[in-house]
PDB file of N, CA and C in Angstrom:
ATOM      1  N   MET A   1      -5.541 -46.697  14.693  1.00  0.00           N
ATOM      2  CA  MET A   1      -6.490 -45.498  14.859  1.00  0.00           C
ATOM      3  C   MET A   1      -5.682 -44.319  14.820  1.00  0.00           C
ATOM      4  N   LEU A   2      -4.506 -44.195  15.632  1.00  0.00           N
ATOM      5  CA  LEU A   2      -3.757 -43.001  15.559  1.00  0.00           C
ATOM      6  C   LEU A   2      -3.109 -42.755  14.213  1.00  0.00           C
ATOM      7  N   LYS A   3      -2.613 -43.811  13.608  1.00  0.00           N
ATOM      8  CA  LYS A   3      -2.099 -43.762  12.218  1.00  0.00           C
ATOM      9  C   LYS A   3      -3.162 -43.217  11.122  1.00  0.00           C
ATOM     10  N   GLN A   4      -4.186 -43.561  11.390  1.00  0.00           N
ATOM     11  CA  GLN A   4      -5.328 -42.985  10.528  1.00  0.00           C
ATOM     12  C   GLN A   4      -5.615 -41.594  10.616  1.00  0.00           C
ATOM     13  N   ASP A   5      -5.780 -41.226  11.919  1.00  0.00           N
ATOM     14  CA  ASP A   5      -6.055 -39.933  12.300  1.00  0.00           C
ATOM     15  C   ASP A   5      -4.898 -38.905  11.650  1.00  0.00           C
ATOM     16  N   ASN A   6      -3.472 -39.533  12.089  1.00  0.00           N
ATOM     17  CA  ASN A   6      -2.412 -38.733  11.543  1.00  0.00           C
ATOM     18  C   ASN A   6      -2.430 -38.585  10.112  1.00  0.00           C
ATOM     19  N   ALA A   7      -2.786 -39.542   9.336  1.00  0.00           N
ATOM     20  CA  ALA A   7      -2.701 -39.518   7.775  1.00  0.00           C
ATOM     21  C   ALA A   7      -3.846 -38.457   7.453  1.00  0.00           C
ATOM     22  N   LEU A   8      -5.112 -38.464   8.011  1.00  0.00           N
ATOM     23  CA  LEU A   8      -5.984 -37.539   7.687  1.00  0.00           C
ATOM     24  C   LEU A   8      -5.612 -36.173   7.965  1.00  0.00           C
ATOM     25  N   LEU A   9      -5.039 -35.880   8.993  1.00  0.00           N
ATOM     26  CA  LEU A   9      -4.493 -34.509   9.411  1.00  0.00           C
ATOM     27  C   LEU A   9      -3.526 -34.051   8.489  1.00  0.00           C
ATOM     28  N   LYS A  10      -2.591 -34.956   7.916  1.00  0.00           N
ATOM     29  CA  LYS A  10      -1.655 -34.577   6.965  1.00  0.00           C
ATOM     30  C   LYS A  10      -2.182 -34.204   5.691  1.00  0.00           C
ATOM     31  N   LEU A  11      -3.269 -35.090   5.347  1.00  0.00           N
ATOM     32  CA  LEU A  11      -4.069 -34.437   4.008  1.00  0.00           C
ATOM     33  C   LEU A  11      -4.681 -33.237   4.131  1.00  0.00           C
ATOM     34  N   GLU A  12      -5.222 -33.002   5.445  1.00  0.00           N
ATOM     35  CA  GLU A  12      -6.050 -31.739   5.609  1.00  0.00           C
ATOM     36  C   GLU A  12      -4.995 -30.575   5.531  1.00  0.00           C
ATOM     37  N   ASN A  13      -3.741 -30.765   6.272  1.00  0.00           N
ATOM     38  CA  ASN A  13      -2.767 -29.799   6.489  1.00  0.00           C
ATOM     39  C   ASN A  13      -2.335 -29.431   4.922  1.00  0.00           C
ATOM     40  N   ALA A  14      -1.965 -30.396   4.091  1.00  0.00           N
ATOM     41  CA  ALA A  14      -1.498 -30.111   2.855  1.00  0.00           C
ATOM     42  C   ALA A  14      -2.566 -29.407   1.976  1.00  0.00           C
ATOM     43  N   GLU A  15      -3.974 -29.706   2.057  1.00  0.00           N
ATOM     44  CA  GLU A  15      -4.831 -28.963   1.308  1.00  0.00           C
ATOM     45  C   GLU A  15      -4.927 -27.496   1.895  1.00  0.00           C
ATOM     46  N   LEU A  16      -4.897 -27.129   3.303  1.00  0.00           N
ATOM     47  CA  LEU A  16      -4.876 -26.010   3.626  1.00  0.00           C
ATOM     48  C   LEU A  16      -3.563 -25.198   3.366  1.00  0.00           C
ATOM     49  N   ARG A  17      -2.422 -25.796   3.422  1.00  0.00           N
ATOM     50  CA  ARG A  17      -1.361 -25.132   2.714  1.00  0.00           C
ATOM     51  C   ARG A  17      -1.528 -24.638   1.405  1.00  0.00           C
ATOM     52  N   GLY A  18      -2.084 -25.659   0.494  1.00  0.00           N
ATOM     53  CA  GLY A  18      -2.263 -25.324  -0.789  1.00  0.00           C
ATOM     54  C   GLY A  18      -3.077 -24.087  -1.032  1.00  0.00           C
ATOM     55  N   ARG A  19      -4.124 -23.879  -0.247  1.00  0.00           N
ATOM     56  CA  ARG A  19      -5.086 -22.762  -0.101  1.00  0.00           C
ATOM     57  C   ARG A  19      -4.444 -21.428   0.143  1.00  0.00           C
ATOM     58  N   LEU A  20      -3.449 -21.510   1.089  1.00  0.00           N
ATOM     59  CA  LEU A  20      -2.655 -20.395   1.686  1.00  0.00           C
ATOM     60  C   LEU A  20      -1.667 -19.905   0.495  1.00  0.00           C
ATOM     61  N   ASP A  21      -1.222 -20.996  -0.252  1.00  0.00           N
ATOM     62  CA  ASP A  21      -0.189 -20.685  -1.262  1.00  0.00           C
ATOM     63  C   ASP A  21      -0.845 -19.934  -2.595  1.00  0.00           C
ATOM     64  N   SER A  22      -2.171 -19.978  -2.644  1.00  0.00           N
ATOM     65  CA  SER A  22      -2.778 -19.672  -4.012  1.00  0.00           C
ATOM     66  C   SER A  22      -3.061 -18.033  -3.741  1.00  0.00           C
ATOM     67  N   ASN A  23      -2.897 -17.308  -4.884  1.00  0.00           N
ATOM     68  CA  ASN A  23      -3.213 -15.906  -4.813  1.00  0.00           C
ATOM     69  C   ASN A  23      -4.001 -15.470  -6.151  1.00  0.00           C
ATOM     70  N   SER A  24      -4.012 -14.285  -6.450  1.00  0.00           N
ATOM     71  CA  SER A  24      -4.708 -14.025  -7.617  1.00  0.00           C
ATOM     72  C   SER A  24      -3.774 -14.165  -8.994  1.00  0.00           C
ATOM     73  N   LYS A  25      -2.597 -14.333  -8.775  1.00  0.00           N
ATOM     74  CA  LYS A  25      -1.652 -14.737  -9.979  1.00  0.00           C
ATOM     75  C   LYS A  25      -1.701 -16.143 -10.330  1.00  0.00           C
ATOM     76  N   ASN A  26      -2.010 -17.070  -9.424  1.00  0.00           N
ATOM     77  CA  ASN A  26      -2.008 -18.331  -9.818  1.00  0.00           C
ATOM     78  C   ASN A  26      -3.346 -19.114  -9.593  1.00  0.00           C
ATOM     79  N   SER A  27      -4.399 -18.303  -9.269  1.00  0.00           N
ATOM     80  CA  SER A  27      -5.738 -18.854  -9.298  1.00  0.00           C
ATOM     81  C   SER A  27      -6.772 -17.952  -9.817  1.00  0.00           C
ATOM     82  N   HIS A  28      -8.093 -18.349  -9.680  1.00  0.00           N
ATOM     83  CA  HIS A  28      -9.217 -17.473 -10.134  1.00  0.00           C
ATOM     84  C   HIS A  28      -9.638 -16.351  -9.270  1.00  0.00           C
ATOM     85  N   LEU A  29      -8.933 -16.168  -8.054  1.00  0.00           N
ATOM     86  CA  LEU A  29      -9.251 -15.182  -7.160  1.00  0.00           C
ATOM     87  C   LEU A  29      -8.970 -13.829  -7.612  1.00  0.00           C
ATOM     88  N   PRO A  30      -9.787 -12.803  -7.408  1.00  0.00           N
ATOM     89  CA  PRO A  30      -9.454 -11.531  -7.694  1.00  0.00           C
ATOM     90  C   PRO A  30      -8.403 -10.790  -6.834  1.00  0.00           C
ATOM     91  N   PRO A  31      -7.663  -9.770  -7.252  1.00  0.00           N
ATOM     92  CA  PRO A  31      -6.482  -9.185  -6.395  1.00  0.00           C
ATOM     93  C   PRO A  31      -6.880  -8.668  -5.103  1.00  0.00           C
ATOM     94  N   SER A  32      -8.178  -8.150  -4.915  1.00  0.00           N
ATOM     95  CA  SER A  32      -8.605  -7.774  -3.667  1.00  0.00           C
ATOM     96  C   SER A  32      -8.778  -8.894  -2.547  1.00  0.00           C
ATOM     97  N   LYS A  33      -8.794 -10.344  -2.960  1.00  0.00           N
ATOM     98  CA  LYS A  33      -8.932 -11.232  -1.997  1.00  0.00           C
ATOM     99  C   LYS A  33      -7.539 -11.836  -1.617  1.00  0.00           C
ATOM    100  N   ASP A  34      -6.430 -11.311  -2.157  1.00  0.00           N
ATOM    101  CA  ASP A  34      -5.098 -11.813  -1.789  1.00  0.00           C
ATOM    102  C   ASP A  34      -4.866 -11.448  -0.173  1.00  0.00           C
ATOM    103  N   LEU A  35      -4.328 -12.609   0.495  1.00  0.00           N
ATOM    104  CA  LEU A  35      -4.367 -12.385   1.902  1.00  0.00           C
ATOM    105  C   LEU A  35      -2.935 -11.575   2.232  1.00  0.00           C
ATOM    106  N   PHE A  36      -1.907 -11.943   1.589  1.00  0.00           N
ATOM    107  CA  PHE A  36      -0.682 -11.012   1.951  1.00  0.00           C
ATOM    108  C   PHE A  36      -0.176 -10.484   0.649  1.00  0.00           C
ATOM    109  N   LYS A  37      -0.355  -9.164   0.616  1.00  0.00           N
ATOM    110  CA  LYS A  37      -0.057  -8.363  -0.589  1.00  0.00           C
ATOM    111  C   LYS A  37       1.547  -8.039  -0.605  1.00  0.00           C
ATOM    112  N   SER A  38       2.267  -8.426  -1.728  1.00  0.00           N
ATOM    113  CA  SER A  38       3.583  -8.252  -1.776  1.00  0.00           C
ATOM    114  C   SER A  38       3.935  -6.762  -2.193  1.00  0.00           C
ATOM    115  N   LYS A  39       4.827  -6.117  -1.845  1.00  0.00           N
ATOM    116  CA  LYS A  39       5.155  -4.817  -2.097  1.00  0.00           C
ATOM    117  C   LYS A  39       6.239  -4.690  -3.148  1.00  0.00           C
ATOM    118  N   PRO A  40       6.164  -3.733  -4.048  1.00  0.00           N
ATOM    119  CA  PRO A  40       7.102  -3.718  -5.250  1.00  0.00           C
ATOM    120  C   PRO A  40       8.566  -3.705  -4.660  1.00  0.00           C
ATOM    121  N   ALA A  41       9.499  -4.170  -5.562  1.00  0.00           N
ATOM    122  CA  ALA A  41      10.962  -4.173  -4.965  1.00  0.00           C
ATOM    123  C   ALA A  41      11.489  -2.940  -4.872  1.00  0.00           C
ATOM    124  N   PHE A  42      11.102  -1.877  -5.769  1.00  0.00           N
ATOM    125  CA  PHE A  42      11.588  -0.586  -5.616  1.00  0.00           C
ATOM    126  C   PHE A  42      10.355   0.347  -5.603  1.00  0.00           C
ATOM    127  N   PRO A  43      10.195   0.850  -4.420  1.00  0.00           N
ATOM    128  CA  PRO A  43       9.062   1.674  -4.096  1.00  0.00           C
ATOM    129  C   PRO A  43       9.195   3.038  -5.098  1.00  0.00           C
ATOM    130  N   LYS A  44       8.039   3.623  -5.421  1.00  0.00           N
ATOM    131  CA  LYS A  44       8.095   4.863  -5.985  1.00  0.00           C
ATOM    132  C   LYS A  44       8.687   6.060  -5.146  1.00  0.00           C
ATOM    133  N   SER A  45       9.137   6.858  -5.866  1.00  0.00           N
ATOM    134  CA  SER A  45       9.848   8.040  -4.909  1.00  0.00           C
ATOM    135  C   SER A  45       8.709   8.974  -4.399  1.00  0.00           C
ATOM    136  N   GLY A  46       8.826   9.759  -3.498  1.00  0.00           N
ATOM    137  CA  GLY A  46       7.889  10.581  -2.718  1.00  0.00           C
ATOM    138  C   GLY A  46       7.020  11.328  -3.865  1.00  0.00           C
ATOM    139  N   THR A  47       5.837  11.743  -3.286  1.00  0.00           N
ATOM    140  CA  THR A  47       4.947  12.478  -4.276  1.00  0.00           C
ATOM    141  C   THR A  47       5.031  13.988  -4.097  1.00  0.00           C
ATOM    142  N   GLY A  48       6.395  14.590  -4.037  1.00  0.00           N
ATOM    143  CA  GLY A  48       6.480  15.848  -3.543  1.00  0.00           C
ATOM    144  C   GLY A  48       6.573  16.576  -5.091  1.00  0.00           C
ATOM    145  N   LYS A  49       7.095  17.822  -4.774  1.00  0.00           N
ATOM    146  CA  LYS A  49       7.346  18.750  -6.048  1.00  0.00           C
ATOM    147  C   LYS A  49       8.274  18.169  -6.974  1.00  0.00           C
ATOM    148  N   GLN A  50       7.957  18.330  -8.267  1.00  0.00           N
ATOM    149  CA  GLN A  50       8.808  17.869  -9.429  1.00  0.00           C
ATOM    150  C   GLN A  50      10.052  18.995  -9.301  1.00  0.00           C
ATOM    151  N   GLY A  51      11.044  18.465 -10.025  1.00  0.00           N
ATOM    152  CA  GLY A  51      12.245  19.135 -10.084  1.00  0.00           C
ATOM    153  C   GLY A  51      12.051  20.354 -11.011  1.00  0.00           C
ATOM    154  N   GLY A  52      13.072  21.217 -10.959  1.00  0.00           N
ATOM    155  CA  GLY A  52      12.975  22.471 -11.665  1.00  0.00           C
ATOM    156  C   GLY A  52      13.527  23.623 -10.921  1.00  0.00           C
ATOM    157  N   LYS A  53      13.215  24.861 -11.367  1.00  0.00           N
ATOM    158  CA  LYS A  53      13.846  25.981 -10.735  1.00  0.00           C
ATOM    159  C   LYS A  53      13.170  26.167  -9.386  1.00  0.00           C
ATOM    160  N   GLU A  54      13.921  26.783  -8.594  1.00  0.00           N
ATOM    161  CA  GLU A  54      13.289  26.946  -7.127  1.00  0.00           C
ATOM    162  C   GLU A  54      12.273  28.082  -7.147  1.00  0.00           C
ATOM    163  N   GLY A  55      11.244  28.190  -6.549  1.00  0.00           N
ATOM    164  CA  GLY A  55      10.148  29.155  -6.525  1.00  0.00           C
ATOM    165  C   GLY A  55      10.558  30.114  -5.399  1.00  0.00           C
ATOM    166  N   HIS A  56       9.667  31.265  -5.401  1.00  0.00           N
ATOM    167  CA  HIS A  56      10.009  32.388  -4.388  1.00  0.00           C
ATOM    168  C   HIS A  56       8.578  32.416  -3.673  1.00  0.00           C
ATOM    169  N   THR A  57       8.590  32.678  -2.455  1.00  0.00           N
ATOM    170  CA  THR A  57       7.551  32.898  -1.483  1.00  0.00           C
ATOM    171  C   THR A  57       7.415  34.225  -1.038  1.00  0.00           C
ATOM    172  N   LEU A  58       6.208  34.885  -0.856  1.00  0.00           N
ATOM    173  CA  LEU A  58       6.050  36.166  -0.272  1.00  0.00           C
ATOM    174  C   LEU A  58       5.497  35.943   1.089  1.00  0.00           C
ATOM    175  N   TYR A  59       6.288  36.531   2.038  1.00  0.00           N
ATOM    176  CA  TYR A  59       6.110  36.555   3.492  1.00  0.00           C
ATOM    177  C   TYR A  59       5.296  37.600   4.104  1.00  0.00           C
ATOM    178  N   GLN A  60       4.476  37.515   4.915  1.00  0.00           N
ATOM    179  CA  GLN A  60       3.840  38.590   5.544  1.00  0.00           C
ATOM    180  C   GLN A  60       4.915  39.604   6.238  1.00  0.00           C
ATOM    181  N   SER A  61       4.607  40.874   5.983  1.00  0.00           N
ATOM    182  CA  SER A  61       5.585  41.941   6.619  1.00  0.00           C
ATOM    183  C   SER A  61       5.004  42.374   7.908  1.00  0.00           C
ATOM    184  N   LEU A  62       5.977  42.563   9.009  1.00  0.00           N
ATOM    185  CA  LEU A  62       5.591  42.987  10.301  1.00  0.00           C
ATOM    186  C   LEU A  62       5.101  44.414  10.202  1.00  0.00           C
ATOM    187  N   SER A  63       5.561  45.332   9.250  1.00  0.00           N
ATOM    188  CA  SER A  63       5.043  46.644   9.195  1.00  0.00           C
ATOM    189  C   SER A  63       4.756  47.054   7.572  1.00  0.00           C
ATOM    190  N   PRO A  64       3.581  46.535   7.205  1.00  0.00           N
ATOM    191  CA  PRO A  64       3.162  46.872   5.913  1.00  0.00           C
ATOM    192  C   PRO A  64       3.114  48.266   5.428  1.00  0.00           C
ATOM    193  N   ASP A  65       3.422  48.708   4.268  1.00  0.00           N
ATOM    194  CA  ASP A  65       3.212  50.155   3.749  1.00  0.00           C
ATOM    195  C   ASP A  65       1.830  50.363   3.602  1.00  0.00           C
ATOM    196  N   VAL A  66       1.026  49.552   3.064  1.00  0.00           N
ATOM    197  CA  VAL A  66      -0.430  49.844   2.672  1.00  0.00           C
ATOM    198  C   VAL A  66      -1.259  48.636   3.272  1.00  0.00           C
ATOM    199  N   VAL A  67      -2.364  48.943   3.850  1.00  0.00           N
ATOM    200  CA  VAL A  67      -3.364  47.976   4.155  1.00  0.00           C
ATOM    201  C   VAL A  67      -4.593  48.075   3.349  1.00  0.00           C
ATOM    202  N   VAL A  68      -4.942  46.925   2.637  1.00  0.00           N
ATOM    203  CA  VAL A  68      -6.197  46.954   1.829  1.00  0.00           C
ATOM    204  C   VAL A  68      -7.301  45.981   2.446  1.00  0.00           C
ATOM    205  N   VAL A  69      -8.456  46.647   2.674  1.00  0.00           N
ATOM    206  CA  VAL A  69      -9.409  45.728   3.418  1.00  0.00           C
ATOM    207  C   VAL A  69     -10.316  45.280   2.163  1.00  0.00           C
ATOM    208  N   ASP A  70     -10.480  44.006   2.126  1.00  0.00           N
ATOM    209  CA  ASP A  70     -11.353  43.240   1.011  1.00  0.00           C
ATOM    210  C   ASP A  70     -12.490  42.592   1.689  1.00  0.00           C
ATOM    211  N   PHE A  71     -13.706  42.725   1.346  1.00  0.00           N
ATOM    212  CA  PHE A  71     -14.811  42.187   1.977  1.00  0.00           C
ATOM    213  C   PHE A  71     -15.461  41.097   1.216  1.00  0.00           C
ATOM    214  N   TYR A  72     -14.594  40.634   0.191  1.00  0.00           N
ATOM    215  CA  TYR A  72     -15.093  39.512  -0.768  1.00  0.00           C
ATOM    216  C   TYR A  72     -14.789  38.150  -0.087  1.00  0.00           C
TER     217      TYR A  72
END
């Protein structure tokens, strides 16, 4: 009795492990159904500014020469 139960549980365990090992690359599943998504080995660099010449920024002055009022 116990040996039969043990054998059935081993078969069920093997089947479930096979399901866990399947992903979109080795089965018919779409990529959205992958349980554990693998990350790329080398992540892309940050999405910041591209290289090139440094820019200049205009800052607000504490004492401006002229004040222009714009209502648009």
